[in-house]
Amino acid sequence: MAEGDTILRAKHRLADALVGQSIAVATPNPRGRAAGVERLDGRTLEGIDAHGKHLLFDFGDLVLHSHLGMSGGWHVYPRAARWRRPRSSAWVVLGGERQDAVQFGGPTLRVLPASRVAIDPQLARLGPDILAPDLDLDAVVASFRAADQSRTLGDALLDQRLTAGIGNIFKSEACFGARVDPWRPLSQVTDEELRTVLDQARAQMLNAVKAGGRHRFAVYKHRGPCGRCRGPVRHRGQGDANRTTWWCERCQV
């Protein structure tokens, strides 16, 4: 699933290609037509916001909400360039003056009245964006403390109601960077440790944004011993969703 760093990079790429332009909308796939995105045809794209794993395209009194899930993606192509996926799989094409932005797949593509974004159930439930410039880390720590303290740390980090944007990759990488065992229940994680894990997630994700998505992982899908202590790197499913967590059994305690 696309994590917050991927979505933030997509925001910048899409904004550079389209913001301030009148957008021609095409819906090659029935899913796009069902979402009613053709209502945006001819409107000016005023801005794009990223919140966690969600993208919000500002068309004045209407907003296009996109969530990519496990398999979706936004591509930007020069006009008339060959696409990397079949046209029939494109949910929506946003055509600018010289470039086209295409969403392929994903669980969410819908148009909302701008007045309802703040109270929309799917969006209002999101916690603070881990990559927000004005992130209040103390408030995020407090939200983790208000959650079920029997939950394991790794599972809680994926809860988008607590903080939005962390996914399976940076859940594992942040815990490794902080030397904290992701299998500890929250009740056994100190505020300082929790703050360090969140700091690690934020810093690593921002570095990935700056590096254009290139990031060398320490434990995620790592084969062989830990590069820090030579201990065994383990992985297994965690939480109700059974999302795979990677960690070093020796140096994460």
C-alpha atoms as a PDB file:
ATOM      1  CA  MET A   1       0.000   0.000   0.000  1.00  0.00           C
ATOM      2  CA  ALA A   2       1.242   3.492  -0.831  1.00  0.00           C
ATOM      3  CA  GLU A   3       2.456   5.159   2.368  1.00  0.00           C
ATOM      4  CA  GLY A   4       2.559   8.826   3.236  1.00  0.00           C
ATOM      5  CA  ASP A   5       5.912   9.460   1.556  1.00  0.00           C
ATOM      6  CA  THR A   6       4.659   8.049  -1.756  1.00  0.00           C
ATOM      7  CA  ILE A   7       1.496  10.147  -1.543  1.00  0.00           C
ATOM      8  CA  LEU A   8       3.441  13.319  -0.748  1.00  0.00           C
ATOM      9  CA  ARG A   9       5.712  12.736  -3.748  1.00  0.00           C
ATOM     10  CA  ALA A  10       2.641  12.140  -5.905  1.00  0.00           C
ATOM     11  CA  LYS A  11       1.152  15.405  -4.659  1.00  0.00           C
ATOM     12  CA  HIS A  12       4.245  17.370  -5.702  1.00  0.00           C
ATOM     13  CA  ARG A  13       4.420  15.656  -9.097  1.00  0.00           C
ATOM     14  CA  LEU A  14       0.729  16.155  -9.817  1.00  0.00           C
ATOM     15  CA  ALA A  15       0.749  19.759  -8.622  1.00  0.00           C
ATOM     16  CA  ASP A  16       3.686  20.613 -10.866  1.00  0.00           C
ATOM     17  CA  ALA A  17       1.837  19.125 -13.832  1.00  0.00           C
ATOM     18  CA  LEU A  18      -1.696  20.446 -13.288  1.00  0.00           C
ATOM     19  CA  VAL A  19      -2.333  23.090 -10.632  1.00  0.00           C
ATOM     20  CA  GLY A  20      -3.659  26.383 -11.968  1.00  0.00           C
ATOM     21  CA  GLN A  21      -4.861  24.823 -15.215  1.00  0.00           C
ATOM     22  CA  SER A  22      -8.276  24.061 -16.672  1.00  0.00           C
ATOM     23  CA  ILE A  23      -8.617  20.279 -16.531  1.00  0.00           C
ATOM     24  CA  ALA A  24     -10.084  18.057 -19.233  1.00  0.00           C
ATOM     25  CA  VAL A  25     -11.497  14.935 -17.580  1.00  0.00           C
ATOM     26  CA  ALA A  26     -11.767  11.514 -19.224  1.00  0.00           C
ATOM     27  CA  THR A  27     -13.020   8.280 -17.644  1.00  0.00           C
ATOM     28  CA  PRO A  28     -11.905   5.266 -19.725  1.00  0.00           C
ATOM     29  CA  ASN A  29     -12.990   2.834 -16.998  1.00  0.00           C
ATOM     30  CA  PRO A  30     -16.599   2.525 -15.727  1.00  0.00           C
ATOM     31  CA  ARG A  31     -15.328   2.959 -12.164  1.00  0.00           C
ATOM     32  CA  GLY A  32     -14.385   6.550 -12.929  1.00  0.00           C
ATOM     33  CA  ARG A  33     -17.733   7.279 -14.525  1.00  0.00           C
ATOM     34  CA  ALA A  34     -19.518   5.821 -11.515  1.00  0.00           C
ATOM     35  CA  ALA A  35     -17.573   8.218  -9.273  1.00  0.00           C
ATOM     36  CA  GLY A  36     -18.983  11.199 -11.149  1.00  0.00           C
ATOM     37  CA  VAL A  37     -15.583  12.714 -11.885  1.00  0.00           C
ATOM     38  CA  GLU A  38     -16.834  14.060 -15.217  1.00  0.00           C
ATOM     39  CA  ARG A  39     -18.440  16.861 -13.183  1.00  0.00           C
ATOM     40  CA  LEU A  40     -14.923  18.273 -12.861  1.00  0.00           C
ATOM     41  CA  ASP A  41     -14.414  18.631 -16.610  1.00  0.00           C
ATOM     42  CA  GLY A  42     -13.370  22.164 -17.556  1.00  0.00           C
ATOM     43  CA  ARG A  43     -12.814  23.294 -13.977  1.00  0.00           C
ATOM     44  CA  THR A  44      -9.554  24.824 -12.751  1.00  0.00           C
ATOM     45  CA  LEU A  45      -7.501  22.718 -10.342  1.00  0.00           C
ATOM     46  CA  GLU A  46      -6.708  25.156  -7.545  1.00  0.00           C
ATOM     47  CA  GLY A  47      -4.497  22.948  -5.411  1.00  0.00           C
ATOM     48  CA  ILE A  48      -3.743  19.453  -4.124  1.00  0.00           C
ATOM     49  CA  ASP A  49      -3.476  18.376  -0.495  1.00  0.00           C
ATOM     50  CA  ALA A  50      -1.989  15.167   0.886  1.00  0.00           C
ATOM     51  CA  HIS A  51      -3.150  13.813   4.237  1.00  0.00           C
ATOM     52  CA  GLY A  52      -1.615  10.501   5.200  1.00  0.00           C
ATOM     53  CA  LYS A  53      -2.439   8.087   2.394  1.00  0.00           C
ATOM     54  CA  HIS A  54      -5.129  10.319   0.861  1.00  0.00           C
ATOM     55  CA  LEU A  55      -5.007  12.911  -1.931  1.00  0.00           C
ATOM     56  CA  LEU A  56      -7.515  15.768  -2.167  1.00  0.00           C
ATOM     57  CA  PHE A  57      -7.770  17.750  -5.412  1.00  0.00           C
ATOM     58  CA  ASP A  58      -9.273  21.217  -4.897  1.00  0.00           C
ATOM     59  CA  PHE A  59     -11.655  22.228  -7.695  1.00  0.00           C
ATOM     60  CA  GLY A  60     -13.266  25.094  -5.809  1.00  0.00           C
ATOM     61  CA  ASP A  61     -16.630  23.940  -4.463  1.00  0.00           C
ATOM     62  CA  LEU A  62     -15.864  20.314  -5.404  1.00  0.00           C
ATOM     63  CA  VAL A  63     -13.038  18.053  -4.206  1.00  0.00           C
ATOM     64  CA  LEU A  64     -11.726  14.880  -5.830  1.00  0.00           C
ATOM     65  CA  HIS A  65     -10.737  12.338  -3.158  1.00  0.00           C
ATOM     66  CA  SER A  66      -8.284   9.594  -4.112  1.00  0.00           C
ATOM     67  CA  HIS A  67      -6.914   6.701  -2.047  1.00  0.00           C
ATOM     68  CA  LEU A  68      -4.664   4.212  -3.819  1.00  0.00           C
ATOM     69  CA  GLY A  69      -4.813   1.217  -1.484  1.00  0.00           C
ATOM     70  CA  MET A  70      -2.628  -1.763  -2.320  1.00  0.00           C
ATOM     71  CA  SER A  71      -2.625  -1.596  -6.101  1.00  0.00           C
ATOM     72  CA  GLY A  72      -3.492   1.920  -7.251  1.00  0.00           C
ATOM     73  CA  GLY A  73      -1.139   4.526  -8.647  1.00  0.00           C
ATOM     74  CA  TRP A  74      -0.966   7.991 -10.158  1.00  0.00           C
ATOM     75  CA  HIS A  75       1.101   8.378 -13.331  1.00  0.00           C
ATOM     76  CA  VAL A  76       2.007  11.627 -15.095  1.00  0.00           C
ATOM     77  CA  TYR A  77       2.665  11.486 -18.845  1.00  0.00           C
ATOM     78  CA  PRO A  78       3.536  14.061 -21.487  1.00  0.00           C
ATOM     79  CA  ARG A  79       0.631  14.542 -23.877  1.00  0.00           C
ATOM     80  CA  ALA A  80       0.461  11.665 -26.414  1.00  0.00           C
ATOM     81  CA  ALA A  81       3.109   9.594 -24.586  1.00  0.00           C
ATOM     82  CA  ARG A  82       2.601   5.848 -24.346  1.00  0.00           C
ATOM     83  CA  TRP A  83       1.186   4.705 -21.009  1.00  0.00           C
ATOM     84  CA  ARG A  84       2.696   1.921 -18.928  1.00  0.00           C
ATOM     85  CA  ARG A  85      -0.745   0.387 -18.267  1.00  0.00           C
ATOM     86  CA  PRO A  86      -3.732  -0.260 -20.544  1.00  0.00           C
ATOM     87  CA  ARG A  87      -6.033   2.708 -21.077  1.00  0.00           C
ATOM     88  CA  SER A  88      -9.018   0.579 -20.062  1.00  0.00           C
ATOM     89  CA  SER A  89      -7.580   0.283 -16.536  1.00  0.00           C
ATOM     90  CA  ALA A  90      -7.443   4.066 -16.033  1.00  0.00           C
ATOM     91  CA  TRP A  91     -10.128   5.221 -13.633  1.00  0.00           C
ATOM     92  CA  VAL A  92      -9.643   8.877 -14.487  1.00  0.00           C
ATOM     93  CA  VAL A  93      -7.471  11.030 -16.717  1.00  0.00           C
ATOM     94  CA  LEU A  94      -6.886  14.635 -15.677  1.00  0.00           C
ATOM     95  CA  GLY A  95      -5.623  16.453 -18.731  1.00  0.00           C
ATOM     96  CA  GLY A  96      -3.651  19.659 -18.318  1.00  0.00           C
ATOM     97  CA  GLU A  97      -2.098  21.932 -20.891  1.00  0.00           C
ATOM     98  CA  ARG A  98       0.863  19.668 -21.690  1.00  0.00           C
ATOM     99  CA  GLN A  99       0.594  16.640 -19.406  1.00  0.00           C
ATOM    100  CA  ASP A 100      -1.951  14.027 -18.375  1.00  0.00           C
ATOM    101  CA  ALA A 101      -2.302  12.623 -14.851  1.00  0.00           C
ATOM    102  CA  VAL A 102      -3.849   9.159 -14.707  1.00  0.00           C
ATOM    103  CA  GLN A 103      -5.131   7.182 -11.722  1.00  0.00           C
ATOM    104  CA  PHE A 104      -4.976   3.434 -12.228  1.00  0.00           C
ATOM    105  CA  GLY A 105      -6.895   1.336  -9.714  1.00  0.00           C
ATOM    106  CA  GLY A 106      -7.288   1.973  -6.002  1.00  0.00           C
ATOM    107  CA  PRO A 107     -10.249   1.525  -3.654  1.00  0.00           C
ATOM    108  CA  THR A 108     -11.324   5.181  -3.523  1.00  0.00           C
ATOM    109  CA  LEU A 109     -12.113   7.736  -6.208  1.00  0.00           C
ATOM    110  CA  ARG A 110     -15.018  10.076  -5.480  1.00  0.00           C
ATOM    111  CA  VAL A 111     -16.158  13.675  -5.761  1.00  0.00           C
ATOM    112  CA  LEU A 112     -17.248  15.535  -2.618  1.00  0.00           C
ATOM    113  CA  PRO A 113     -18.683  18.989  -1.997  1.00  0.00           C
ATOM    114  CA  ALA A 114     -15.851  21.028  -0.495  1.00  0.00           C
ATOM    115  CA  SER A 115     -18.150  21.968   2.378  1.00  0.00           C
ATOM    116  CA  ARG A 116     -18.347  18.319   3.472  1.00  0.00           C
ATOM    117  CA  VAL A 117     -14.666  17.384   3.477  1.00  0.00           C
ATOM    118  CA  ALA A 118     -14.137  18.336   7.131  1.00  0.00           C
ATOM    119  CA  ILE A 119     -17.097  16.222   8.282  1.00  0.00           C
ATOM    120  CA  ASP A 120     -16.813  13.329   5.841  1.00  0.00           C
ATOM    121  CA  PRO A 121     -16.670  10.093   7.902  1.00  0.00           C
ATOM    122  CA  GLN A 122     -13.795   8.597   5.919  1.00  0.00           C
ATOM    123  CA  LEU A 123     -11.643  11.722   6.212  1.00  0.00           C
ATOM    124  CA  ALA A 124     -12.676  13.148   9.578  1.00  0.00           C
ATOM    125  CA  ARG A 125     -11.554   9.968  11.351  1.00  0.00           C
ATOM    126  CA  LEU A 126      -7.946  10.393  10.222  1.00  0.00           C
ATOM    127  CA  GLY A 127      -5.346  11.337  12.787  1.00  0.00           C
ATOM    128  CA  PRO A 128      -2.657  13.971  12.240  1.00  0.00           C
ATOM    129  CA  ASP A 129      -0.547  13.540   9.117  1.00  0.00           C
ATOM    130  CA  ILE A 130       2.857  12.181  10.186  1.00  0.00           C
ATOM    131  CA  LEU A 131       4.474  14.365   7.488  1.00  0.00           C
ATOM    132  CA  ALA A 132       2.585  17.585   8.241  1.00  0.00           C
ATOM    133  CA  PRO A 133       4.933  20.589   8.590  1.00  0.00           C
ATOM    134  CA  ASP A 134       3.142  21.638  11.788  1.00  0.00           C
ATOM    135  CA  LEU A 135       2.871  18.157  13.342  1.00  0.00           C
ATOM    136  CA  ASP A 136       2.276  18.295  17.111  1.00  0.00           C
ATOM    137  CA  LEU A 137       4.145  15.186  18.232  1.00  0.00           C
ATOM    138  CA  ASP A 138       2.978  15.532  21.838  1.00  0.00           C
ATOM    139  CA  ALA A 139      -0.635  15.398  20.637  1.00  0.00           C
ATOM    140  CA  VAL A 140       0.113  12.256  18.629  1.00  0.00           C
ATOM    141  CA  VAL A 141       1.724  10.601  21.650  1.00  0.00           C
ATOM    142  CA  ALA A 142      -1.366  11.526  23.671  1.00  0.00           C
ATOM    143  CA  SER A 143      -3.608   9.866  21.076  1.00  0.00           C
ATOM    144  CA  PHE A 144      -1.585   6.653  21.389  1.00  0.00           C
ATOM    145  CA  ARG A 145      -1.970   6.846  25.153  1.00  0.00           C
ATOM    146  CA  ALA A 146      -5.740   7.221  24.794  1.00  0.00           C
ATOM    147  CA  ALA A 147      -5.869   4.049  22.667  1.00  0.00           C
ATOM    148  CA  ASP A 148      -6.152   0.472  23.921  1.00  0.00           C
ATOM    149  CA  GLN A 149      -2.867  -0.054  25.780  1.00  0.00           C
ATOM    150  CA  SER A 150      -2.961  -3.805  25.208  1.00  0.00           C
ATOM    151  CA  ARG A 151      -2.414  -3.267  21.472  1.00  0.00           C
ATOM    152  CA  THR A 152       1.071  -3.969  20.223  1.00  0.00           C
ATOM    153  CA  LEU A 153       3.123  -1.007  19.049  1.00  0.00           C
ATOM    154  CA  GLY A 154       3.453  -2.256  15.476  1.00  0.00           C
ATOM    155  CA  ASP A 155      -0.290  -2.736  15.153  1.00  0.00           C
ATOM    156  CA  ALA A 156      -1.071   0.693  16.634  1.00  0.00           C
ATOM    157  CA  LEU A 157       1.314   2.443  14.229  1.00  0.00           C
ATOM    158  CA  LEU A 158      -0.883   1.304  11.337  1.00  0.00           C
ATOM    159  CA  ASP A 159      -4.037   2.784  12.890  1.00  0.00           C
ATOM    160  CA  GLN A 160      -4.717   5.816  10.693  1.00  0.00           C
ATOM    161  CA  ARG A 161      -6.968   7.261  13.407  1.00  0.00           C
ATOM    162  CA  LEU A 162      -3.915   7.766  15.629  1.00  0.00           C
ATOM    163  CA  THR A 163      -1.586   9.164  13.005  1.00  0.00           C
ATOM    164  CA  ALA A 164      -2.076   9.077   9.251  1.00  0.00           C
ATOM    165  CA  GLY A 165       0.508   7.976   6.721  1.00  0.00           C
ATOM    166  CA  ILE A 166       2.550   5.201   8.323  1.00  0.00           C
ATOM    167  CA  GLY A 167       2.262   1.846   6.584  1.00  0.00           C
ATOM    168  CA  ASN A 168       3.875  -1.543   6.803  1.00  0.00           C
ATOM    169  CA  ILE A 169       7.286  -0.456   5.533  1.00  0.00           C
ATOM    170  CA  PHE A 170       7.923   2.454   7.861  1.00  0.00           C
ATOM    171  CA  LYS A 171       6.218   0.754  10.788  1.00  0.00           C
ATOM    172  CA  SER A 172       8.995  -1.828  10.657  1.00  0.00           C
ATOM    173  CA  GLU A 173      11.780   0.612   9.772  1.00  0.00           C
ATOM    174  CA  ALA A 174      10.844   3.154  12.457  1.00  0.00           C
ATOM    175  CA  CYS A 175      10.777   0.566  15.226  1.00  0.00           C
ATOM    176  CA  PHE A 176      14.155  -0.726  14.066  1.00  0.00           C
ATOM    177  CA  GLY A 177      15.612   2.785  13.957  1.00  0.00           C
ATOM    178  CA  ALA A 178      14.384   3.409  17.505  1.00  0.00           C
ATOM    179  CA  ARG A 179      15.600  -0.033  18.713  1.00  0.00           C
ATOM    180  CA  VAL A 180      12.101  -0.786  20.042  1.00  0.00           C
ATOM    181  CA  ASP A 181      10.381  -4.171  19.774  1.00  0.00           C
ATOM    182  CA  PRO A 182       7.183  -3.717  17.679  1.00  0.00           C
ATOM    183  CA  TRP A 183       5.580  -6.599  19.593  1.00  0.00           C
ATOM    184  CA  ARG A 184       5.560  -4.770  22.906  1.00  0.00           C
ATOM    185  CA  PRO A 185       2.095  -3.678  24.079  1.00  0.00           C
ATOM    186  CA  LEU A 186       1.663   0.080  24.273  1.00  0.00           C
ATOM    187  CA  SER A 187       1.490  -0.202  28.060  1.00  0.00           C
ATOM    188  CA  GLN A 188       5.151  -1.271  28.023  1.00  0.00           C
ATOM    189  CA  VAL A 189       6.346   1.477  25.649  1.00  0.00           C
ATOM    190  CA  THR A 190       7.426   4.700  27.356  1.00  0.00           C
ATOM    191  CA  ASP A 191       6.424   8.115  26.044  1.00  0.00           C
ATOM    192  CA  GLU A 192      10.066   8.759  25.149  1.00  0.00           C
ATOM    193  CA  GLU A 193      10.281   5.507  23.170  1.00  0.00           C
ATOM    194  CA  LEU A 194       7.012   6.238  21.404  1.00  0.00           C
ATOM    195  CA  ARG A 195       8.197   9.730  20.509  1.00  0.00           C
ATOM    196  CA  THR A 196      11.465   8.280  19.152  1.00  0.00           C
ATOM    197  CA  VAL A 197       9.594   5.755  16.989  1.00  0.00           C
ATOM    198  CA  LEU A 198       7.353   8.485  15.572  1.00  0.00           C
ATOM    199  CA  ASP A 199      10.370  10.746  14.992  1.00  0.00           C
ATOM    200  CA  GLN A 200      12.055   7.901  13.121  1.00  0.00           C
ATOM    201  CA  ALA A 201       9.001   7.301  10.946  1.00  0.00           C
ATOM    202  CA  ARG A 202       8.708  10.978  10.087  1.00  0.00           C
ATOM    203  CA  ALA A 203      12.432  11.472   9.400  1.00  0.00           C
ATOM    204  CA  GLN A 204      12.793   8.341   7.279  1.00  0.00           C
ATOM    205  CA  MET A 205       9.684   9.120   5.238  1.00  0.00           C
ATOM    206  CA  LEU A 206      10.786  12.706   4.611  1.00  0.00           C
ATOM    207  CA  ASN A 207      14.195  11.410   3.526  1.00  0.00           C
ATOM    208  CA  ALA A 208      12.442   9.051   1.110  1.00  0.00           C
ATOM    209  CA  VAL A 209      10.503  11.995  -0.334  1.00  0.00           C
ATOM    210  CA  LYS A 210      13.729  13.967  -0.851  1.00  0.00           C
ATOM    211  CA  ALA A 211      15.403  10.932  -2.429  1.00  0.00           C
ATOM    212  CA  GLY A 212      12.589  10.486  -4.932  1.00  0.00           C
ATOM    213  CA  GLY A 213      11.350   7.284  -3.319  1.00  0.00           C
ATOM    214  CA  ARG A 214      14.738   5.590  -3.140  1.00  0.00           C
ATOM    215  CA  HIS A 215      15.311   4.233   0.351  1.00  0.00           C
ATOM    216  CA  ARG A 216      17.551   1.476   1.631  1.00  0.00           C
ATOM    217  CA  PHE A 217      15.618  -0.625   4.123  1.00  0.00           C
ATOM    218  CA  ALA A 218      17.277  -2.034   7.219  1.00  0.00           C
ATOM    219  CA  VAL A 219      14.766  -4.773   8.074  1.00  0.00           C
ATOM    220  CA  TYR A 220      11.788  -4.587   5.715  1.00  0.00           C
ATOM    221  CA  LYS A 221      11.948  -7.693   3.493  1.00  0.00           C
ATOM    222  CA  HIS A 222      15.540  -8.126   4.679  1.00  0.00           C
ATOM    223  CA  ARG A 223      17.176 -11.480   4.112  1.00  0.00           C
ATOM    224  CA  GLY A 224      20.074 -12.488   6.305  1.00  0.00           C
ATOM    225  CA  PRO A 225      21.331 -11.220   9.663  1.00  0.00           C
ATOM    226  CA  CYS A 226      20.767  -7.745  11.055  1.00  0.00           C
ATOM    227  CA  GLY A 227      23.186  -5.221   9.595  1.00  0.00           C
ATOM    228  CA  ARG A 228      23.559  -3.569  13.008  1.00  0.00           C
ATOM    229  CA  CYS A 229      24.107  -6.460  15.416  1.00  0.00           C
ATOM    230  CA  ARG A 230      24.187  -9.572  13.173  1.00  0.00           C
ATOM    231  CA  GLY A 231      21.210 -10.957  15.059  1.00  0.00           C
ATOM    232  CA  PRO A 232      18.324 -12.751  13.321  1.00  0.00           C
ATOM    233  CA  VAL A 233      15.794 -10.627  11.409  1.00  0.00           C
ATOM    234  CA  ARG A 234      12.318 -12.114  11.837  1.00  0.00           C
ATOM    235  CA  HIS A 235       8.976 -11.478  10.186  1.00  0.00           C
ATOM    236  CA  ARG A 236       5.403 -12.549  10.845  1.00  0.00           C
ATOM    237  CA  GLY A 237       1.853 -11.248  10.637  1.00  0.00           C
ATOM    238  CA  GLN A 238       0.686  -8.810  13.292  1.00  0.00           C
ATOM    239  CA  GLY A 239      -2.677  -7.440  14.377  1.00  0.00           C
ATOM    240  CA  ASP A 240      -6.181  -8.222  13.177  1.00  0.00           C
ATOM    241  CA  ALA A 241      -5.177  -7.490   9.574  1.00  0.00           C
ATOM    242  CA  ASN A 242      -2.164  -9.834   9.881  1.00  0.00           C
ATOM    243  CA  ARG A 243       0.155  -7.295   8.231  1.00  0.00           C
ATOM    244  CA  THR A 244       3.729  -8.593   8.162  1.00  0.00           C
ATOM    245  CA  THR A 245       6.149  -6.981  10.607  1.00  0.00           C
ATOM    246  CA  TRP A 246       9.934  -7.225  10.227  1.00  0.00           C
ATOM    247  CA  TRP A 247      12.261  -6.766  13.214  1.00  0.00           C
ATOM    248  CA  CYS A 248      15.606  -7.798  14.699  1.00  0.00           C
ATOM    249  CA  GLU A 249      15.142 -10.224  17.538  1.00  0.00           C
ATOM    250  CA  ARG A 250      18.394  -9.190  19.225  1.00  0.00           C
ATOM    251  CA  CYS A 251      18.737  -5.402  19.136  1.00  0.00           C
ATOM    252  CA  GLN A 252      15.069  -4.389  19.317  1.00  0.00           C
ATOM    253  CA  VAL A 253      13.999  -4.875  22.902  1.00  0.00           C
END
